[in-house]
Protein backbone atom coordinates (compact mmCIF):
# COMPACT_ATOMS: atom_id res chain seq x y z
CA MET A 1 0.06 0.26 -0.14
CA THR A 2 3.13 2.26 0.66
CA ILE A 3 4.09 1.92 -2.75
CA ILE A 4 1.12 2.68 -3.96
CA LYS A 5 0.46 5.69 -2.39
CA ASN A 6 4.12 7.15 -2.84
CA THR A 7 3.55 6.55 -6.66
CA ALA A 8 0.06 7.45 -7.04
CA PRO A 9 0.09 11.37 -7.80
CA GLY A 10 3.06 11.45 -10.01
CA LEU A 11 1.49 8.63 -11.82
CA LEU A 12 -1.59 10.03 -12.11
CA LEU A 13 0.27 13.37 -13.25
CA THR A 14 1.93 11.45 -16.07
CA PHE A 15 -1.48 9.99 -17.24
CA LEU A 16 -3.41 13.44 -17.39
CA ILE A 17 -0.31 14.91 -19.68
CA ALA A 18 -0.65 12.24 -21.89
CA LEU A 19 -4.25 12.03 -22.27
CA SER A 20 -4.00 15.94 -23.04
CA SER A 21 -1.39 15.21 -25.25
CA ILE A 22 -3.22 12.52 -27.15
CA TYR A 23 -6.28 15.21 -27.49
CA PHE A 24 -4.01 18.15 -28.38
CA SER A 25 -2.13 16.28 -30.87
CA SER A 26 -5.76 16.87 -32.81
CA PHE A 27 -4.69 20.42 -33.27
CA ILE A 28 -0.91 20.69 -32.63
CA LEU A 29 0.71 18.34 -35.70
CA ILE A 30 4.31 17.31 -33.81
CA GLY A 31 2.33 14.55 -32.24
CA SER A 32 1.16 13.46 -29.10
CA VAL A 33 4.93 11.85 -28.10
CA ALA A 34 6.48 15.52 -28.57
CA ILE A 35 3.52 17.18 -26.70
CA ALA A 36 4.05 14.79 -23.71
CA ILE A 37 7.48 15.66 -23.46
CA LEU A 38 7.04 19.75 -23.89
CA ILE A 39 3.79 19.82 -21.47
CA GLY A 40 5.69 17.52 -18.88
CA LEU A 41 8.90 19.74 -19.31
CA LEU A 42 6.78 23.51 -18.71
CA VAL A 43 5.34 21.80 -15.74
CA ASN A 44 8.38 20.65 -14.17
CA ASN A 45 10.22 24.06 -14.64
CA ILE A 46 7.30 25.81 -13.61
CA PHE A 47 5.53 24.29 -10.59
CA LEU A 48 6.98 20.82 -9.77
CA ASN A 49 10.98 20.95 -9.52
CA LYS A 50 10.93 20.66 -5.57
CA ILE A 51 7.35 18.98 -5.28
CA GLU A 52 8.59 15.53 -3.33
CA VAL A 53 5.19 13.98 -3.88
CA PHE A 54 5.54 13.53 -7.73
CA LYS A 55 8.55 12.43 -7.95
CA SER A 56 8.28 8.47 -7.32
CA GLY A 57 5.57 8.37 -9.63
CA ILE A 58 7.24 9.94 -12.46
CA SER A 59 10.15 7.70 -11.88
CA PHE A 60 7.66 5.14 -12.20
CA SER A 61 6.75 6.15 -15.01
CA GLU A 62 9.97 7.40 -17.28
CA LYS A 63 11.22 4.02 -16.22
CA GLN A 64 8.77 0.93 -15.85
CA LEU A 65 6.32 1.88 -17.90
CA LEU A 66 8.48 2.62 -20.55
CA SER A 67 10.13 -0.72 -20.30
CA TYR A 68 6.42 -2.61 -20.42
CA ALA A 69 6.03 -0.51 -23.66
CA ILE A 70 8.77 -1.70 -25.26
CA ILE A 71 7.65 -5.16 -24.15
CA LEU A 72 4.74 -4.83 -25.76
CA LEU A 73 6.27 -3.04 -28.66
CA GLY A 74 7.33 -6.46 -29.70
CA ALA A 75 4.31 -7.56 -30.45
CA SER A 76 4.01 -5.56 -33.40
CA LEU A 77 6.95 -6.60 -35.01
CA ASP A 78 7.91 -9.56 -37.27
CA PHE A 79 11.03 -10.53 -37.74
CA ASN A 80 10.70 -10.97 -41.58
CA SER A 81 10.22 -6.80 -41.29
CA MET A 82 13.71 -6.74 -39.78
CA SER A 83 15.48 -8.45 -42.61
CA PHE A 84 17.49 -5.10 -43.38
CA LEU A 85 19.83 -5.91 -40.00
CA THR A 86 22.45 -8.01 -41.62
CA ILE A 87 25.79 -8.66 -39.91
CA ASP A 88 27.72 -5.76 -41.55
CA LYS A 89 24.94 -3.55 -40.43
CA ILE A 90 25.40 -4.74 -36.55
CA LEU A 91 28.96 -4.61 -37.11
CA ILE A 92 28.70 -0.74 -38.09
CA ILE A 93 26.56 0.01 -34.69
CA LEU A 94 29.44 -1.44 -32.78
CA VAL A 95 31.69 0.45 -34.95
CA MET A 96 29.64 3.68 -34.42
CA ILE A 97 29.85 2.94 -30.13
CA PHE A 98 33.80 2.57 -30.30
CA ILE A 99 33.75 5.91 -32.45
CA SER A 100 31.81 7.75 -29.80
CA ILE A 101 33.78 6.87 -26.85
CA PHE A 102 37.32 7.17 -29.02
CA PHE A 103 36.27 10.54 -30.23
CA CYS A 104 34.77 11.70 -27.00
CA TYR A 105 38.20 10.42 -25.38
CA LEU A 106 40.53 12.15 -27.95
CA ILE A 107 38.71 15.63 -27.74
CA GLY A 108 38.42 15.37 -23.82
CA LYS A 109 42.28 15.04 -23.67
CA LEU A 110 42.94 17.79 -26.24
CA ILE A 111 40.94 20.32 -24.36
CA GLY A 112 41.96 18.96 -20.79
CA LEU A 113 39.12 17.30 -19.70
CA PRO A 114 39.74 14.01 -16.89
CA LYS A 115 40.07 10.84 -18.89
CA ASN A 116 37.86 9.44 -16.76
CA LEU A 117 34.91 12.27 -17.47
CA SER A 118 35.76 11.75 -21.17
CA LEU A 119 35.57 8.23 -21.01
CA LEU A 120 31.83 8.12 -19.18
CA LEU A 121 30.91 10.89 -22.06
CA GLY A 122 31.54 8.26 -24.76
CA MET A 123 29.77 5.14 -23.19
CA GLY A 124 26.91 7.22 -22.48
CA ASN A 125 26.77 8.98 -26.36
CA GLY A 126 27.73 5.76 -27.49
CA VAL A 127 25.64 2.81 -25.97
CA CYS A 128 22.48 3.58 -23.49
CA GLY A 129 22.62 6.87 -21.79
CA SER A 130 22.87 7.22 -18.08
CA SER A 131 22.40 3.53 -17.17
CA ALA A 132 25.80 2.87 -19.40
CA ILE A 133 27.44 5.79 -17.58
CA ALA A 134 26.69 4.30 -13.92
CA GLY A 135 27.82 0.67 -15.22
CA ALA A 136 31.15 1.76 -16.26
CA SER A 137 31.85 4.06 -12.93
CA LYS A 138 31.49 0.57 -11.15
CA VAL A 139 34.47 -0.14 -13.28
CA ILE A 140 36.78 2.58 -13.90
CA ASP A 141 38.17 4.67 -11.09
CA THR A 142 35.88 7.88 -11.19
CA ASP A 143 34.06 10.00 -8.46
CA GLU A 144 30.55 11.04 -8.30
CA ASN A 145 30.89 14.63 -9.21
CA GLU A 146 32.24 12.73 -12.92
CA VAL A 147 29.44 10.43 -13.04
CA GLY A 148 27.06 13.15 -12.14
CA ILE A 149 27.95 15.42 -14.72
CA SER A 150 27.99 12.96 -17.50
CA ILE A 151 24.51 11.75 -16.58
CA THR A 152 23.31 15.47 -16.64
CA ILE A 153 24.99 16.34 -19.93
CA VAL A 154 24.01 13.08 -21.71
CA ASN A 155 20.36 13.62 -20.76
CA ILE A 156 20.80 17.20 -21.83
CA LEU A 157 21.82 16.08 -25.14
CA GLY A 158 19.34 13.64 -25.54
CA ALA A 159 16.55 15.72 -24.51
CA LEU A 160 17.47 18.47 -27.25
CA SER A 161 17.75 15.49 -29.49
CA ILE A 162 14.09 14.37 -29.26
CA PHE A 163 13.15 17.42 -31.09
CA VAL A 164 16.62 18.13 -33.26
CA LEU A 165 17.38 15.09 -35.11
CA PRO A 166 13.71 14.02 -36.01
CA TYR A 167 13.57 17.90 -37.32
CA ILE A 168 16.61 17.57 -39.28
CA LEU A 169 15.77 14.18 -40.61
CA ASN A 170 12.52 15.61 -41.77
CA ASN A 171 13.61 18.82 -43.03
CA PHE A 172 17.02 17.98 -44.37
CA PHE A 173 17.03 14.30 -45.63
CA SER A 174 13.41 13.65 -46.23
CA TYR A 175 14.34 11.60 -48.67
CA LEU A 176 15.66 9.03 -46.15
CA THR A 177 13.22 5.64 -45.86
CA ASP A 178 11.79 4.91 -42.83
CA GLN A 179 14.51 2.24 -41.87
CA GLN A 180 17.44 4.67 -42.50
CA SER A 181 16.00 7.28 -40.20
CA GLY A 182 15.18 4.53 -37.81
CA PHE A 183 19.20 3.37 -38.06
CA ILE A 184 20.44 7.14 -37.32
CA ILE A 185 18.17 7.39 -34.49
CA GLY A 186 18.49 3.80 -32.84
CA SER A 187 22.51 4.33 -33.66
CA THR A 188 23.17 8.21 -32.23
CA VAL A 189 20.36 9.09 -29.72
CA GLN A 190 21.36 8.10 -25.91
CA ALA A 191 18.72 6.39 -24.00
CA VAL A 192 15.88 4.34 -24.64
CA GLY A 193 13.04 6.41 -24.20
CA GLN A 194 14.87 9.39 -26.17
CA VAL A 195 15.27 7.05 -29.13
CA THR A 196 11.56 5.69 -28.51
CA ALA A 197 10.60 9.88 -28.45
CA ALA A 198 12.84 10.72 -31.55
CA GLY A 199 11.70 7.89 -33.99
CA PHE A 200 8.18 8.08 -33.14
CA ILE A 201 7.65 12.01 -33.67
CA ILE A 202 8.80 10.72 -37.13
CA ASN A 203 6.29 8.19 -37.42
CA TYR A 204 5.77 4.97 -35.91
CA ASN A 205 7.70 2.64 -38.07
CA VAL A 206 10.86 4.56 -37.56
CA GLY A 207 10.18 4.46 -33.86
CA GLU A 208 10.20 0.92 -34.24
CA TYR A 209 13.60 0.66 -36.26
CA ALA A 210 14.87 3.05 -33.99
CA ILE A 211 14.02 0.49 -31.30
CA LEU A 212 15.85 -2.48 -32.57
CA ILE A 213 18.51 -0.60 -33.05
CA LYS A 214 18.94 0.43 -29.75
CA MET A 215 18.26 -2.84 -28.71
CA ILE A 216 21.65 -3.85 -29.83
CA ARG A 217 23.59 -1.02 -28.61
CA ILE A 218 22.00 -2.18 -24.84
CA ILE A 219 22.93 -5.55 -25.57
CA MET A 220 26.48 -4.33 -25.88
CA LEU A 221 26.84 -2.73 -22.86
CA GLY A 222 27.78 -6.21 -21.21
CA PRO A 223 30.98 -6.78 -23.23
CA LEU A 224 32.16 -3.29 -23.09
CA LEU A 225 32.36 -3.05 -19.48
CA LEU A 226 33.83 -6.52 -19.48
CA LEU A 227 36.53 -5.11 -21.76
CA LEU A 228 36.84 -1.55 -19.67
CA ASN A 229 38.71 -3.88 -17.06
CA PHE A 230 41.92 -4.15 -18.97
CA LEU A 231 42.17 -0.38 -19.03
CA PRO A 232 44.64 0.57 -16.79
CA PHE A 233 42.70 3.05 -14.61
CA LYS A 234 39.76 0.45 -13.60
CA LYS A 235 38.87 -0.40 -10.18
CA SER A 236 39.10 -3.39 -8.33
CA LEU A 237 36.63 -6.27 -9.47
CA ASN A 238 34.44 -7.92 -7.55
CA LYS A 239 31.89 -10.62 -8.01
CA THR A 240 29.44 -7.97 -8.64
CA ASN A 241 30.57 -6.20 -11.41
CA GLN A 242 32.24 -9.14 -13.25
CA PHE A 243 28.97 -9.67 -14.74
CA PHE A 244 26.13 -7.93 -16.37
CA SER A 245 22.68 -9.27 -16.95
CA ILE A 246 20.86 -8.07 -19.78
CA PRO A 247 17.77 -5.54 -19.07
CA PHE A 248 14.41 -7.17 -18.78
CA PHE A 249 12.55 -5.44 -21.27
CA VAL A 250 15.24 -6.38 -23.73
CA ILE A 251 14.55 -9.98 -23.40
CA GLY A 252 10.89 -9.36 -23.22
CA PHE A 253 10.62 -7.37 -26.56
CA LEU A 254 12.47 -10.25 -28.23
CA ILE A 255 10.29 -13.27 -26.58
CA MET A 256 6.83 -10.73 -27.57
CA ALA A 257 8.42 -10.04 -31.11
CA MET A 258 9.07 -14.31 -31.36
CA LEU A 259 5.42 -14.89 -30.25
CA ALA A 260 4.29 -12.63 -32.65
CA SER A 261 6.68 -13.50 -35.62
CA PHE A 262 5.15 -17.56 -34.79
CA ASN A 263 1.41 -16.26 -35.33
CA LEU A 264 1.55 -17.49 -31.60
CA ILE A 265 -0.72 -14.51 -30.51
CA PRO A 266 -4.03 -14.06 -32.46
CA ASP A 267 -4.19 -10.93 -34.42
CA ASN A 268 -6.88 -9.40 -32.04
CA ILE A 269 -4.90 -9.39 -29.27
CA LEU A 270 -2.07 -8.34 -30.96
CA LEU A 271 -3.85 -5.45 -32.05
CA LEU A 272 -4.77 -4.68 -28.38
CA LEU A 273 -1.03 -5.30 -27.01
CA THR A 274 0.22 -2.43 -30.10
CA LYS A 275 -2.30 0.27 -28.62
CA ILE A 276 -1.48 -0.33 -25.13
CA SER A 277 2.42 -0.29 -26.01
CA LYS A 278 1.01 3.24 -27.60
CA PHE A 279 -0.23 4.66 -24.57
CA LEU A 280 2.38 3.89 -22.29
CA PHE A 281 5.04 5.18 -24.52
CA ILE A 282 2.87 8.30 -24.38
CA VAL A 283 2.56 8.18 -20.26
CA ALA A 284 6.58 7.39 -20.17
CA MET A 285 7.40 10.58 -22.48
CA ALA A 286 5.47 12.81 -19.86
CA GLY A 287 7.38 11.10 -17.55
CA ILE A 288 11.11 12.14 -19.25
CA GLY A 289 9.34 15.69 -19.89
CA LEU A 290 8.83 15.54 -15.98
CA LYS A 291 12.55 14.99 -15.63
CA ILE A 292 13.92 17.72 -17.82
CA SER A 293 15.31 20.57 -15.81
CA PHE A 294 16.49 23.88 -17.22
CA LYS A 295 18.79 24.55 -14.24
CA SER A 296 20.94 21.58 -14.82
CA ILE A 297 22.24 23.12 -17.69
CA LEU A 298 23.70 25.69 -15.22
CA GLY A 299 26.78 24.74 -12.88
CA PHE A 300 28.94 23.09 -14.72
CA GLY A 301 31.70 24.30 -16.94
CA LEU A 302 31.58 23.92 -21.24
CA LYS A 303 34.37 21.49 -21.55
CA PRO A 304 32.39 18.34 -20.75
CA PHE A 305 29.05 19.74 -22.91
CA ILE A 306 31.40 20.62 -25.51
CA VAL A 307 33.14 16.91 -25.63
CA ALA A 308 29.81 15.39 -25.44
CA LEU A 309 28.20 17.51 -28.26
CA ALA A 310 31.29 16.86 -30.40
CA SER A 311 31.13 13.56 -30.21
CA PHE A 312 27.36 13.43 -30.81
CA THR A 313 27.85 15.17 -33.80
CA ILE A 314 30.69 13.34 -35.32
CA GLN A 315 28.14 10.21 -34.43
CA ILE A 316 25.08 11.66 -36.55
CA ILE A 317 27.52 12.58 -39.62
CA PHE A 318 29.34 9.18 -39.43
CA ALA A 319 25.30 7.42 -39.34
CA LEU A 320 24.34 9.70 -42.08
CA ILE A 321 27.33 8.58 -44.20
CA ILE A 322 26.56 5.01 -43.70
CA VAL A 323 22.72 4.83 -44.58
CA ASN A 324 24.16 6.63 -48.03
CA LEU A 325 26.42 4.46 -48.57
CA PHE A 326 25.28 1.09 -47.72
CA PHE A 327 21.59 0.86 -47.39
């Protein structure tokens, strides 16, 4: 009962924002996903920034409901539609991850940023945002300030990319297919929620492909954390960080996709699950919007932001080159 009581206010708020965004999407052409984020952002920065009663429910919407939405999204996927994901494209994704880490480290070194902070920024940009930074911080010798700064900056970039990247793709690269746009978003944008938002702002197909690409990046977090053990400035390992388990929503997503692909779920149930997934996505996006703070940009120097932004820009340019040459 205590958990329900603590979660209810924030959960109700995200549901109300989601319903409002669906209503306003009939009049505002940017779509319910973007509207939910914008409403959440405005509500947070104007009214809720220091109101604790909403935080538990907002976090539940942003994290747990998003995970469930991704699992249910698997019901709308057919492995036959994923034939474009060949071995060479998976290798390209891996190369892009290492490009992000390498350029963050290199640019950070050139402008005098601590190497650990540069590496954390590279992990956050290249793999999966905050979770990659948190995982890497358990392996290499970092302090809380470096972790906090890197998570904040990567989340700021990810929040900006939700709107900026779809705008760029729609207005300057409108000739790209849904698969190409999904690949660019899924292989560059930082966190799962941000990938989801950016993809679905363009259209549903782009969102599906973007999440699929993102799943590959998430799965690579485990091997990358193991690889960090060979760096000279790693921490002493213990049994708890020698193994990294794949997030449950990745497994659930794949299981649901397989069930749908082998026609083990009736079509009417698949349709219902797809609708539930879409709504939960919008609720989760409201939660993300409610976590974004304008003040988070202040208080940090420009160097970490410059490093992360430069690396992210290089990722996008490389992704654009790749899809035009090989897709």
